[in-house]
Amino acid sequence: MKTVTLTKDEFDALVAARDEAFTARDGAFAERESLRGEVRTLKVERDLLQEKLKAFLRKLFDAKSEARGTDQKDLFFNEAESLAPDASVVAEEDSTGEIEIPAHKRKKRGRKPLDPNLPREIVRHELPESERICAHDGSPLVEIGVEVSEQLDIIPQQVRVIQHQRVKYACACCDQGIKVTPAPARIIPRGLLTESAMAWVVTSKYMDALPLYRQAALLGRFGGDLSRTTLAGSVIRVGEGVQPVINLMRDHLLDADVIHADETTIQVLKEPGKKAQSKSYLWAQVTGSGPPIRLFGYAPGRGSAHADHLYAGIKSGGALMSDGYEVYGSIAKTNKLIHLGCWAHCRRYFVEAEAVLPKIARTPEQPATQFIAAIGELYAVESKAKEKSASERQQLRDELSRPILTRIEALLMKYLHAITPGSLMGKALHYLSAQWPKLIRYVENGAWPIDNNLCENAIRPFVIGRRNWLFADTVAGANASANLYSLVETCKANGIDPYAYLVSLFRNLPAAKTADDFEALLPWRLTPGA
């Protein structure tokens, strides 16, 4: 083996070359790891974007219901063809009732009978005199009974004018004794519409979601030539006129032991200091105890200042049910309320996370599916306890719901730090984690609700109506709409016909003077027709 002798300079050069090679190698390794990290980051970002796209497409095109394994229940274009029964199985009018068989009573198939309380007009169909002769012996036929069938008849809107004649009196001997019968007090002084007409306009708009321009067109077909400007002015004035009743309803609501809270957007075109495209808010407040009250309040924003105004004077020690919006936490803390979390809202996050998964990946082992199933078990307990007293419901929750909550908490700890926080599943887990103390609080009292569905259901008619009328023109219109929605939805919650109540309210409100007079006009106290 030949020995190579290197000078010091040559040796130093070789060492330097070696070190440079090692440095280059380490740099290549570092660059490769950096590229791998970037690729992993890009893959995560790609997956998150794909998930967001799927969620957006689902929101845009899929069924809005969160129910699983059920048919789409929304209205559709071919509703008549889809909902009509097959002609071969349509029964006659009298085919409803019950059939007694040895084991049990079975309901007959067929149409639902018409309401026996509806007024009935009898139309007799008789044989001609010439046919009331027996073909066998020529004797005259006698009536032995009738075969009855019924049809539902509808009389379209009838528009008429009520002419008020205020009689004048005068002295026959001088011209100083002239007297005129005073005009009756009205909710809108010198208003063009009667109380029943005004009630029809309000219920059509706020119960049936019929915009005023369609109402004007409908009335025009029956001779009621009114502009929608006239209708709009009347709605705003009557909405302002019922403010004393709304104030009393708010007093009762703030004294309730359980209050549900939520809010939704409303667009007001002519609002001082704001662009027409900006969002304003309609705040909903619903009682979970005492008389059912559905109260809506307009506010230009969603901040704590507006919420503090709406909840000023609330009774301390009660329970406030809401979603995770932090303003409600501030309200609960300031007013010493027990803050409850909404399991339906929490479940919605997991439903959205499950919906973007490929169908092949939707297995019972999926984390989202596990959470949805466990939350479903909580609701199964609530279904069993629905008709029970508060103490019985709490006992059932202690026995059945608490173990389920323990399982959900274990699932939360298992997946919370194992899933990308920015993904839909990650957001669902972090929402559950942040809301956990509020979500489990309902089991402490059988009178406390598990979710905020009561409030969301109260908001739904407004959201449906908003699709038709789109926006409010002025702040006064938004406030009037909030007041009238409050009355209509409170009537519905109390099982009262809103139209009949509003007719009575509009007739009696002008005569109310004292607090007791106004108290008697509350929806659950005023007898419709009074």
Protein backbone atom coordinates (compact mmCIF):
# COMPACT_ATOMS: atom_id res chain seq x y z
CA MET A 1 0.00 0.00 0.00
CA LYS A 2 1.42 3.28 -1.10
CA THR A 3 1.62 6.06 1.47
CA VAL A 4 0.61 9.51 0.29
CA THR A 5 2.27 12.39 1.96
CA LEU A 6 0.27 15.64 2.06
CA THR A 7 1.46 19.02 2.83
CA LYS A 8 -0.37 21.01 5.50
CA ASP A 9 -2.04 23.19 2.88
CA GLU A 10 -3.24 20.14 0.96
CA PHE A 11 -4.53 18.54 4.17
CA ASP A 12 -6.36 21.70 5.17
CA ALA A 13 -7.90 21.89 1.70
CA LEU A 14 -9.18 18.31 1.97
CA VAL A 15 -10.65 18.98 5.41
CA ALA A 16 -12.29 22.13 4.12
CA ALA A 17 -13.70 20.22 1.13
CA ARG A 18 -15.01 17.51 3.48
CA ASP A 19 -16.63 20.07 5.78
CA GLU A 20 -18.15 21.81 2.78
CA ALA A 21 -19.56 18.52 1.52
CA PHE A 22 -21.03 17.76 4.96
CA THR A 23 -22.51 21.26 5.14
CA ALA A 24 -24.01 20.87 1.67
CA ARG A 25 -25.40 17.46 2.67
CA ASP A 26 -26.91 18.89 5.87
CA GLY A 27 -28.34 21.79 3.89
CA ALA A 28 -29.87 19.38 1.40
CA PHE A 29 -31.34 17.34 4.25
CA ALA A 30 -32.73 20.50 5.88
CA GLU A 31 -34.12 21.73 2.58
CA ARG A 32 -35.74 18.36 1.96
CA GLU A 33 -37.34 18.37 5.42
CA SER A 34 -38.49 21.93 4.87
CA LEU A 35 -40.05 20.94 1.56
CA ARG A 36 -41.69 17.97 3.23
CA GLY A 37 -43.14 20.30 5.89
CA GLU A 38 -44.39 22.67 3.21
CA VAL A 39 -45.97 19.76 1.34
CA ARG A 40 -47.67 18.59 4.53
CA THR A 41 -48.91 22.13 5.18
CA LEU A 42 -50.17 22.46 1.61
CA LYS A 43 -51.95 19.11 1.89
CA VAL A 44 -53.65 20.21 5.11
CA GLU A 45 -54.64 23.54 3.52
CA ARG A 46 -55.90 21.69 0.45
CA ASP A 47 -57.98 19.35 2.60
CA LEU A 48 -59.40 22.26 4.57
CA LEU A 49 -60.30 24.13 1.38
CA GLN A 50 -61.92 21.02 -0.08
CA GLU A 51 -63.87 20.60 3.15
CA LYS A 52 -65.02 24.21 3.04
CA LEU A 53 -66.06 23.78 -0.60
CA LYS A 54 -68.08 20.67 0.25
CA ALA A 55 -69.70 22.46 3.20
CA PHE A 56 -70.57 25.43 0.98
CA LEU A 57 -72.03 23.22 -1.74
CA ARG A 58 -74.03 21.31 0.84
CA LYS A 59 -75.40 24.56 2.28
CA LEU A 60 -76.25 25.75 -1.22
CA PHE A 61 -77.84 22.64 -2.71
CA ASP A 62 -78.58 20.02 -0.04
CA ALA A 63 -81.56 19.71 2.26
CA LYS A 64 -81.43 22.22 5.11
CA SER A 65 -82.81 19.78 7.67
CA GLU A 66 -80.36 18.27 10.14
CA ALA A 67 -82.55 15.20 10.59
CA ARG A 68 -80.87 11.97 9.52
CA GLY A 69 -82.54 9.19 7.58
CA THR A 70 -85.69 11.19 6.78
CA ASP A 71 -87.17 12.44 3.53
CA GLN A 72 -86.90 16.05 2.41
CA LYS A 73 -89.87 17.92 3.88
CA ASP A 74 -89.38 21.30 2.22
CA LEU A 75 -91.89 22.57 -0.31
CA PHE A 76 -91.11 21.86 -3.94
CA PHE A 77 -92.43 22.80 -7.36
CA ASN A 78 -94.31 19.57 -8.08
CA GLU A 79 -95.82 19.49 -4.58
CA ALA A 80 -99.30 18.52 -5.80
CA GLU A 81 -98.06 15.54 -7.81
CA SER A 82 -95.71 14.39 -5.06
CA LEU A 83 -98.12 14.65 -2.15
CA ALA A 84 -101.36 13.54 -3.78
CA PRO A 85 -102.32 9.91 -3.00
CA ASP A 86 -102.69 7.35 -5.78
CA ALA A 87 -106.13 7.48 -7.36
CA SER A 88 -106.65 3.77 -6.70
CA VAL A 89 -106.45 4.24 -2.93
CA VAL A 90 -108.41 7.49 -2.53
CA ALA A 91 -111.29 6.77 -0.18
CA GLU A 92 -114.74 8.36 -0.04
CA GLU A 93 -115.48 11.30 2.24
CA ASP A 94 -116.89 9.15 5.03
CA SER A 95 -114.03 6.67 5.08
CA THR A 96 -112.44 7.90 8.31
CA GLY A 97 -113.19 6.41 11.66
CA GLU A 98 -112.26 3.21 13.41
CA ILE A 99 -112.77 -0.48 12.63
CA GLU A 100 -113.09 -2.85 15.57
CA ILE A 101 -111.28 -6.14 15.07
CA PRO A 102 -110.63 -8.82 17.71
CA ALA A 103 -107.16 -7.60 18.72
CA HIS A 104 -107.46 -3.80 18.56
CA LYS A 105 -109.06 -0.84 16.84
CA ARG A 106 -107.61 0.06 13.49
CA LYS A 107 -108.06 3.46 11.90
CA LYS A 108 -109.67 3.49 8.49
CA ARG A 109 -107.72 4.88 5.60
CA GLY A 110 -109.07 7.94 3.83
CA ARG A 111 -109.75 11.60 4.16
CA LYS A 112 -109.81 13.51 7.39
CA PRO A 113 -113.39 14.63 8.17
CA LEU A 114 -114.22 18.32 7.85
CA ASP A 115 -114.31 20.35 11.04
CA PRO A 116 -117.77 19.89 12.63
CA ASN A 117 -117.61 23.45 14.01
CA LEU A 118 -117.59 25.02 10.55
CA PRO A 119 -120.91 26.59 9.47
CA ARG A 120 -122.85 24.38 7.11
CA GLU A 121 -125.19 25.21 4.26
CA ILE A 122 -127.48 22.32 3.34
CA VAL A 123 -128.25 21.75 -0.34
CA ARG A 124 -131.00 19.14 -0.92
CA HIS A 125 -130.99 17.19 -4.14
CA GLU A 126 -134.44 15.65 -4.76
CA LEU A 127 -135.84 13.42 -7.47
CA PRO A 128 -138.28 15.05 -9.89
CA GLU A 129 -141.97 14.42 -9.09
CA SER A 130 -142.23 12.19 -12.14
CA GLU A 131 -139.59 9.79 -10.77
CA ARG A 132 -141.12 9.43 -7.28
CA ILE A 133 -143.34 6.56 -8.40
CA CYS A 134 -142.63 2.88 -7.70
CA ALA A 135 -141.91 1.06 -10.96
CA HIS A 136 -143.50 -2.17 -9.62
CA ASP A 137 -146.92 -1.14 -8.28
CA GLY A 138 -147.23 2.55 -9.12
CA SER A 139 -147.35 3.71 -5.48
CA PRO A 140 -145.79 7.10 -4.60
CA LEU A 141 -142.30 6.90 -3.04
CA VAL A 142 -141.78 8.28 0.48
CA GLU A 143 -138.60 9.78 1.93
CA ILE A 144 -136.72 7.32 4.18
CA GLY A 145 -133.45 9.22 4.71
CA VAL A 146 -130.61 11.00 2.95
CA GLU A 147 -127.11 10.15 1.79
CA VAL A 148 -124.75 12.86 2.99
CA SER A 149 -121.47 13.98 1.42
CA GLU A 150 -119.61 17.16 2.24
CA GLN A 151 -117.36 19.56 0.35
CA LEU A 152 -115.29 22.43 1.70
CA ASP A 153 -116.36 25.77 0.25
CA ILE A 154 -114.26 28.95 0.42
CA ILE A 155 -115.68 32.46 0.10
CA PRO A 156 -112.94 34.83 -1.19
CA GLN A 157 -112.16 38.10 0.56
CA GLN A 158 -115.14 40.41 0.67
CA VAL A 159 -114.21 44.07 0.60
CA ARG A 160 -116.77 46.56 1.84
CA VAL A 161 -116.86 50.12 3.17
CA ILE A 162 -118.07 50.97 6.68
CA GLN A 163 -119.57 54.46 6.53
CA HIS A 164 -119.61 56.24 9.89
CA GLN A 165 -122.30 58.89 10.18
CA ARG A 166 -121.85 61.18 13.19
CA VAL A 167 -125.19 62.82 13.75
CA LYS A 168 -125.28 66.59 14.25
CA TYR A 169 -127.77 68.29 16.56
CA ALA A 170 -128.70 71.96 16.72
CA CYS A 171 -130.98 74.21 18.69
CA ALA A 172 -134.13 75.16 16.77
CA CYS A 173 -134.20 78.61 18.32
CA CYS A 174 -130.57 79.78 18.01
CA ASP A 175 -127.31 78.92 16.28
CA GLN A 176 -125.28 78.44 19.49
CA GLY A 177 -126.36 74.91 20.41
CA ILE A 178 -124.77 72.76 17.66
CA LYS A 179 -123.44 69.40 18.85
CA VAL A 180 -121.85 66.53 16.92
CA THR A 181 -121.64 62.93 18.10
CA PRO A 182 -117.96 62.36 19.05
CA ALA A 183 -115.92 60.03 16.86
CA PRO A 184 -115.14 56.65 18.42
CA ALA A 185 -111.59 56.19 19.68
CA ARG A 186 -109.40 54.27 17.23
CA ILE A 187 -105.93 52.80 17.42
CA ILE A 188 -105.08 54.91 14.34
CA PRO A 189 -106.99 58.21 14.59
CA ARG A 190 -108.75 58.89 11.28
CA GLY A 191 -107.31 55.63 9.96
CA LEU A 192 -108.57 54.31 6.64
CA LEU A 193 -108.77 50.64 7.69
CA THR A 194 -111.14 49.12 10.22
CA GLU A 195 -109.76 47.04 13.10
CA SER A 196 -110.63 43.78 11.34
CA ALA A 197 -109.07 44.98 8.08
CA MET A 198 -105.93 46.05 9.94
CA ALA A 199 -105.78 42.67 11.68
CA TRP A 200 -106.08 40.95 8.29
CA VAL A 201 -103.17 42.97 6.89
CA VAL A 202 -100.98 42.24 9.94
CA THR A 203 -101.65 38.49 10.03
CA SER A 204 -101.19 38.22 6.27
CA LYS A 205 -97.78 39.87 6.49
CA TYR A 206 -96.43 38.54 9.78
CA MET A 207 -98.10 35.14 9.93
CA ASP A 208 -98.53 34.18 6.26
CA ALA A 209 -95.41 36.04 5.01
CA LEU A 210 -97.44 37.90 2.36
CA PRO A 211 -95.65 41.16 1.43
CA LEU A 212 -97.71 44.33 1.32
CA TYR A 213 -97.45 44.75 -2.46
CA ARG A 214 -99.04 41.31 -2.91
CA GLN A 215 -101.74 42.20 -0.41
CA ALA A 216 -102.46 45.39 -2.36
CA ALA A 217 -102.74 43.36 -5.58
CA LEU A 218 -105.01 40.81 -3.88
CA LEU A 219 -107.31 43.49 -2.49
CA GLY A 220 -107.38 45.16 -5.89
CA ARG A 221 -108.98 42.05 -7.40
CA PHE A 222 -111.92 42.45 -4.98
CA GLY A 223 -112.38 46.19 -5.37
CA GLY A 224 -110.14 47.37 -2.53
CA ASP A 225 -107.97 49.82 -4.46
CA LEU A 226 -105.26 50.59 -1.88
CA SER A 227 -101.62 51.38 -2.48
CA ARG A 228 -98.96 49.51 -0.57
CA THR A 229 -97.76 52.89 0.73
CA THR A 230 -101.10 53.27 2.52
CA LEU A 231 -100.83 49.74 3.90
CA ALA A 232 -97.23 50.31 5.00
CA GLY A 233 -98.12 53.53 6.81
CA SER A 234 -100.99 51.80 8.60
CA VAL A 235 -98.75 48.89 9.66
CA ILE A 236 -96.13 51.23 11.11
CA ARG A 237 -98.69 53.27 13.03
CA VAL A 238 -100.44 50.23 14.48
CA GLY A 239 -97.06 48.71 15.34
CA GLU A 240 -96.26 51.85 17.30
CA GLY A 241 -99.73 51.89 18.87
CA VAL A 242 -99.31 48.46 20.52
CA GLN A 243 -96.11 49.54 22.33
CA PRO A 244 -97.77 49.63 25.80
CA VAL A 245 -98.72 45.96 25.46
CA ILE A 246 -95.21 45.09 24.24
CA ASN A 247 -93.72 46.86 27.27
CA LEU A 248 -95.91 44.79 29.61
CA MET A 249 -94.93 41.59 27.79
CA ARG A 250 -91.27 42.52 28.30
CA ASP A 251 -91.85 43.04 32.02
CA HIS A 252 -93.36 39.56 32.29
CA LEU A 253 -90.58 38.03 30.22
CA LEU A 254 -87.79 39.53 32.32
CA ASP A 255 -89.43 38.03 35.43
CA ALA A 256 -89.40 34.49 33.98
CA ASP A 257 -87.25 31.79 35.60
CA VAL A 258 -85.99 30.57 32.19
CA ILE A 259 -85.35 32.77 29.14
CA HIS A 260 -84.19 31.66 25.70
CA ALA A 261 -82.16 34.11 23.61
CA ASP A 262 -81.05 34.34 19.98
CA GLU A 263 -80.74 36.89 17.19
CA THR A 264 -80.92 37.05 13.40
CA THR A 265 -80.12 39.62 10.74
CA ILE A 266 -82.41 42.20 9.20
CA GLN A 267 -81.57 44.76 6.52
CA VAL A 268 -82.79 48.33 7.03
CA LEU A 269 -82.35 50.56 3.99
CA LYS A 270 -82.72 54.01 5.56
CA GLU A 271 -80.82 53.83 8.83
CA PRO A 272 -78.90 56.91 10.03
CA GLY A 273 -75.14 56.49 9.82
CA LYS A 274 -75.25 53.11 8.05
CA LYS A 275 -75.11 51.93 4.46
CA ALA A 276 -78.21 50.27 3.02
CA GLN A 277 -76.25 47.03 2.53
CA SER A 278 -75.18 46.78 6.19
CA LYS A 279 -76.69 44.31 8.64
CA SER A 280 -78.94 45.14 11.55
CA TYR A 281 -80.37 42.62 14.01
CA LEU A 282 -83.63 41.32 15.35
CA TRP A 283 -83.12 39.95 18.86
CA ALA A 284 -85.47 37.20 20.04
CA GLN A 285 -86.36 36.56 23.68
CA VAL A 286 -88.58 33.61 24.62
CA THR A 287 -89.88 32.45 27.99
CA GLY A 288 -89.18 28.88 29.05
CA SER A 289 -91.43 29.19 32.10
CA GLY A 290 -94.67 30.97 32.93
CA PRO A 291 -96.95 32.28 30.16
CA PRO A 292 -95.46 31.64 26.70
CA ILE A 293 -94.02 34.93 25.44
CA ARG A 294 -92.21 35.49 22.14
CA LEU A 295 -90.60 38.91 22.08
CA PHE A 296 -88.59 40.50 19.25
CA GLY A 297 -86.52 43.64 19.54
CA TYR A 298 -84.81 45.57 16.75
CA ALA A 299 -81.26 46.87 17.22
CA PRO A 300 -78.80 48.38 14.73
CA GLY A 301 -76.01 46.10 15.96
CA ARG A 302 -75.08 42.90 17.73
CA GLY A 303 -72.86 44.31 20.47
CA SER A 304 -73.21 44.16 24.21
CA ALA A 305 -74.62 47.70 24.43
CA HIS A 306 -77.72 46.64 22.52
CA ALA A 307 -78.05 43.41 24.50
CA ASP A 308 -77.71 45.25 27.82
CA HIS A 309 -80.61 47.51 26.84
CA LEU A 310 -82.85 44.56 25.94
CA TYR A 311 -82.07 42.67 29.15
CA ALA A 312 -82.13 45.66 31.51
CA GLY A 313 -84.17 44.75 34.59
CA ILE A 314 -83.94 40.96 34.18
CA LYS A 315 -84.51 38.99 37.38
CA SER A 316 -81.31 37.68 38.99
CA GLY A 317 -80.96 33.97 39.67
CA GLY A 318 -82.86 32.84 36.59
CA ALA A 319 -81.51 30.75 33.72
CA LEU A 320 -80.49 32.08 30.29
CA MET A 321 -80.34 29.60 27.39
CA SER A 322 -78.35 30.67 24.33
CA ASP A 323 -75.76 29.60 21.78
CA GLY A 324 -72.05 30.31 22.27
CA TYR A 325 -72.14 34.02 21.35
CA GLU A 326 -70.00 35.69 24.01
CA VAL A 327 -72.37 38.64 24.58
CA TYR A 328 -74.85 36.30 26.25
CA GLY A 329 -72.12 35.18 28.63
CA SER A 330 -71.57 38.80 29.59
CA ILE A 331 -75.32 39.29 30.17
CA ALA A 332 -75.46 36.18 32.36
CA LYS A 333 -72.43 37.26 34.40
CA THR A 334 -73.58 40.85 34.87
CA ASN A 335 -77.09 39.87 35.94
CA LYS A 336 -76.07 36.78 37.96
CA LEU A 337 -77.90 34.32 35.71
CA ILE A 338 -77.27 30.61 35.22
CA HIS A 339 -76.01 30.35 31.64
CA LEU A 340 -77.11 27.21 29.78
CA GLY A 341 -75.57 25.92 26.54
CA CYS A 342 -77.49 24.60 23.54
CA TRP A 343 -76.93 20.95 22.60
CA ALA A 344 -78.77 21.38 19.28
CA HIS A 345 -76.31 24.09 18.27
CA CYS A 346 -73.40 21.89 19.34
CA ARG A 347 -74.78 18.91 17.41
CA ARG A 348 -75.05 21.09 14.30
CA TYR A 349 -71.25 21.42 14.14
CA PHE A 350 -70.82 17.63 14.14
CA VAL A 351 -73.56 17.20 11.52
CA GLU A 352 -71.68 19.63 9.26
CA ALA A 353 -68.41 17.78 9.89
CA GLU A 354 -70.00 14.43 9.04
CA ALA A 355 -71.75 15.77 5.93
CA VAL A 356 -68.49 16.64 4.12
CA LEU A 357 -67.08 13.12 4.54
CA PRO A 358 -67.17 10.81 1.53
CA LYS A 359 -70.10 8.40 1.81
CA ILE A 360 -67.76 5.42 1.99
CA ALA A 361 -66.10 6.97 5.07
CA ARG A 362 -69.34 7.52 7.01
CA THR A 363 -69.05 4.63 9.40
CA PRO A 364 -70.07 4.33 13.07
CA GLU A 365 -66.38 4.58 13.99
CA GLN A 366 -66.07 8.10 12.58
CA PRO A 367 -65.61 10.63 15.43
CA ALA A 368 -68.39 12.91 14.14
CA THR A 369 -70.79 9.98 13.90
CA GLN A 370 -69.91 8.87 17.43
CA PHE A 371 -70.69 12.31 18.83
CA ILE A 372 -73.96 12.58 16.90
CA ALA A 373 -75.05 9.17 18.17
CA ALA A 374 -74.18 10.07 21.78
CA ILE A 375 -76.03 13.39 21.58
CA GLY A 376 -78.97 11.48 20.11
CA GLU A 377 -79.01 9.38 23.27
CA LEU A 378 -79.31 12.56 25.36
CA TYR A 379 -82.35 13.56 23.31
CA ALA A 380 -83.85 10.09 23.70
CA VAL A 381 -83.79 10.64 27.47
CA GLU A 382 -85.47 14.03 26.99
CA SER A 383 -88.15 12.38 24.88
CA LYS A 384 -88.90 9.93 27.69
CA ALA A 385 -89.04 12.77 30.22
CA LYS A 386 -91.13 15.14 28.11
CA GLU A 387 -94.45 14.61 29.91
CA LYS A 388 -92.93 14.23 33.38
CA SER A 389 -92.66 16.78 36.17
CA ALA A 390 -89.44 18.75 36.70
CA SER A 391 -88.39 16.56 39.65
CA GLU A 392 -89.08 13.34 37.73
CA ARG A 393 -87.21 14.70 34.72
CA GLN A 394 -84.19 15.57 36.84
CA GLN A 395 -84.17 12.09 38.37
CA LEU A 396 -84.24 10.55 34.89
CA ARG A 397 -81.40 12.81 33.80
CA ASP A 398 -79.34 11.80 36.84
CA GLU A 399 -79.83 8.12 36.05
CA LEU A 400 -79.48 8.15 32.26
CA SER A 401 -78.04 11.44 30.98
CA ARG A 402 -75.05 11.84 33.30
CA PRO A 403 -73.39 8.55 32.16
CA ILE A 404 -73.86 9.65 28.53
CA LEU A 405 -72.24 13.00 29.30
CA THR A 406 -69.28 11.16 30.85
CA ARG A 407 -68.89 9.17 27.61
CA ILE A 408 -69.08 12.33 25.50
CA GLU A 409 -66.41 13.98 27.65
CA ALA A 410 -64.13 10.95 27.19
CA LEU A 411 -64.61 11.17 23.42
CA LEU A 412 -63.81 14.88 23.56
CA MET A 413 -60.53 14.28 25.41
CA LYS A 414 -59.63 11.52 22.95
CA TYR A 415 -60.04 13.59 19.78
CA LEU A 416 -59.61 17.22 20.88
CA HIS A 417 -55.84 17.45 20.17
CA ALA A 418 -55.73 14.74 17.50
CA ILE A 419 -57.67 16.57 14.78
CA THR A 420 -56.72 19.72 12.87
CA PRO A 421 -58.30 22.68 14.70
CA GLY A 422 -59.19 24.48 11.46
CA SER A 423 -61.23 21.57 10.08
CA LEU A 424 -64.97 21.33 10.58
CA MET A 425 -64.44 18.48 13.01
CA GLY A 426 -61.79 20.48 14.83
CA LYS A 427 -64.15 23.46 15.13
CA ALA A 428 -66.89 21.16 16.44
CA LEU A 429 -64.56 19.75 19.09
CA HIS A 430 -63.28 23.14 20.22
CA TYR A 431 -66.82 24.52 20.39
CA LEU A 432 -67.83 21.55 22.53
CA SER A 433 -64.79 22.03 24.73
CA ALA A 434 -65.40 25.76 25.20
CA GLN A 435 -69.13 25.30 25.92
CA TRP A 436 -68.82 22.15 28.03
CA PRO A 437 -69.56 23.72 31.47
CA LYS A 438 -72.73 25.35 30.07
CA LEU A 439 -73.79 22.27 28.11
CA ILE A 440 -73.77 19.90 31.09
CA ARG A 441 -75.50 22.37 33.43
CA TYR A 442 -79.03 21.46 32.31
CA VAL A 443 -78.96 18.14 34.20
CA GLU A 444 -78.84 20.03 37.51
CA ASN A 445 -82.47 21.16 37.25
CA GLY A 446 -85.37 19.34 35.61
CA ALA A 447 -86.97 22.66 34.65
CA TRP A 448 -83.99 23.71 32.53
CA PRO A 449 -84.04 22.96 28.77
CA ILE A 450 -81.46 20.93 26.87
CA ASP A 451 -81.37 23.28 23.87
CA ASN A 452 -82.48 26.58 22.41
CA ASN A 453 -84.89 25.13 19.85
CA LEU A 454 -87.82 26.97 21.40
CA CYS A 455 -86.23 30.29 20.44
CA GLU A 456 -85.01 29.14 17.03
CA ASN A 457 -88.52 27.91 16.17
CA ALA A 458 -89.91 31.31 17.17
CA ILE A 459 -87.45 33.03 14.81
CA ARG A 460 -88.19 30.71 11.88
CA PRO A 461 -91.42 32.49 10.71
CA PHE A 462 -89.50 35.77 10.57
CA VAL A 463 -86.71 34.15 8.52
CA ILE A 464 -89.28 32.69 6.11
CA GLY A 465 -91.01 36.05 5.79
CA ARG A 466 -87.67 37.78 5.22
CA ARG A 467 -87.22 35.76 2.03
CA ASN A 468 -90.35 37.43 0.67
CA TRP A 469 -90.01 41.04 1.78
CA LEU A 470 -86.17 41.03 1.93
CA PHE A 471 -85.67 44.22 3.98
CA ALA A 472 -87.25 46.96 6.09
CA ASP A 473 -87.32 50.44 4.63
CA THR A 474 -86.93 52.47 7.83
CA VAL A 475 -86.06 52.05 11.50
CA ALA A 476 -89.69 52.82 12.39
CA GLY A 477 -90.77 49.98 10.10
CA ALA A 478 -88.29 47.58 11.69
CA ASN A 479 -89.53 48.45 15.20
CA ALA A 480 -93.17 48.10 14.14
CA SER A 481 -92.43 44.73 12.55
CA ALA A 482 -90.68 43.54 15.73
CA ASN A 483 -93.73 44.52 17.82
CA LEU A 484 -96.25 42.88 15.52
CA TYR A 485 -94.16 39.71 15.13
CA SER A 486 -94.07 39.56 18.94
CA LEU A 487 -97.87 39.65 19.18
CA VAL A 488 -98.46 37.13 16.40
CA GLU A 489 -95.89 34.61 17.67
CA THR A 490 -97.05 34.98 21.29
CA CYS A 491 -100.63 34.27 20.19
CA LYS A 492 -99.48 31.15 18.35
CA ALA A 493 -97.49 29.99 21.38
CA ASN A 494 -100.61 30.38 23.56
CA GLY A 495 -102.87 28.54 21.10
CA ILE A 496 -104.77 31.74 20.23
CA ASP A 497 -105.89 32.75 16.74
CA PRO A 498 -103.73 35.84 15.99
CA TYR A 499 -106.36 37.44 13.75
CA ALA A 500 -109.14 37.19 16.35
CA TYR A 501 -106.81 38.50 19.08
CA LEU A 502 -105.60 41.47 17.02
CA VAL A 503 -109.17 42.48 16.16
CA SER A 504 -110.04 42.54 19.88
CA LEU A 505 -106.79 44.30 20.78
CA PHE A 506 -107.20 47.04 18.17
CA ARG A 507 -110.78 47.66 19.33
CA ASN A 508 -110.01 47.75 23.07
CA LEU A 509 -106.56 49.37 23.17
CA PRO A 510 -107.74 52.99 22.55
CA ALA A 511 -109.99 52.78 25.63
CA ALA A 512 -107.22 51.48 27.95
CA LYS A 513 -106.12 54.03 30.54
CA THR A 514 -104.77 52.25 33.64
CA ALA A 515 -102.14 49.55 34.14
CA ASP A 516 -104.92 47.03 34.81
CA ASP A 517 -106.57 47.96 31.51
CA PHE A 518 -103.38 47.23 29.59
CA GLU A 519 -102.74 44.06 31.61
CA ALA A 520 -106.12 42.73 30.49
CA LEU A 521 -105.04 43.14 26.85
CA LEU A 522 -102.12 40.67 27.04
CA PRO A 523 -102.54 37.78 24.59
CA TRP A 524 -103.03 35.11 27.27
CA ARG A 525 -105.61 37.27 29.10
CA LEU A 526 -107.69 38.96 26.41
CA THR A 527 -110.63 36.89 25.22
CA PRO A 528 -110.85 37.13 21.40
CA GLY A 529 -114.11 38.74 20.40
CA ALA A 530 -114.35 40.80 23.59
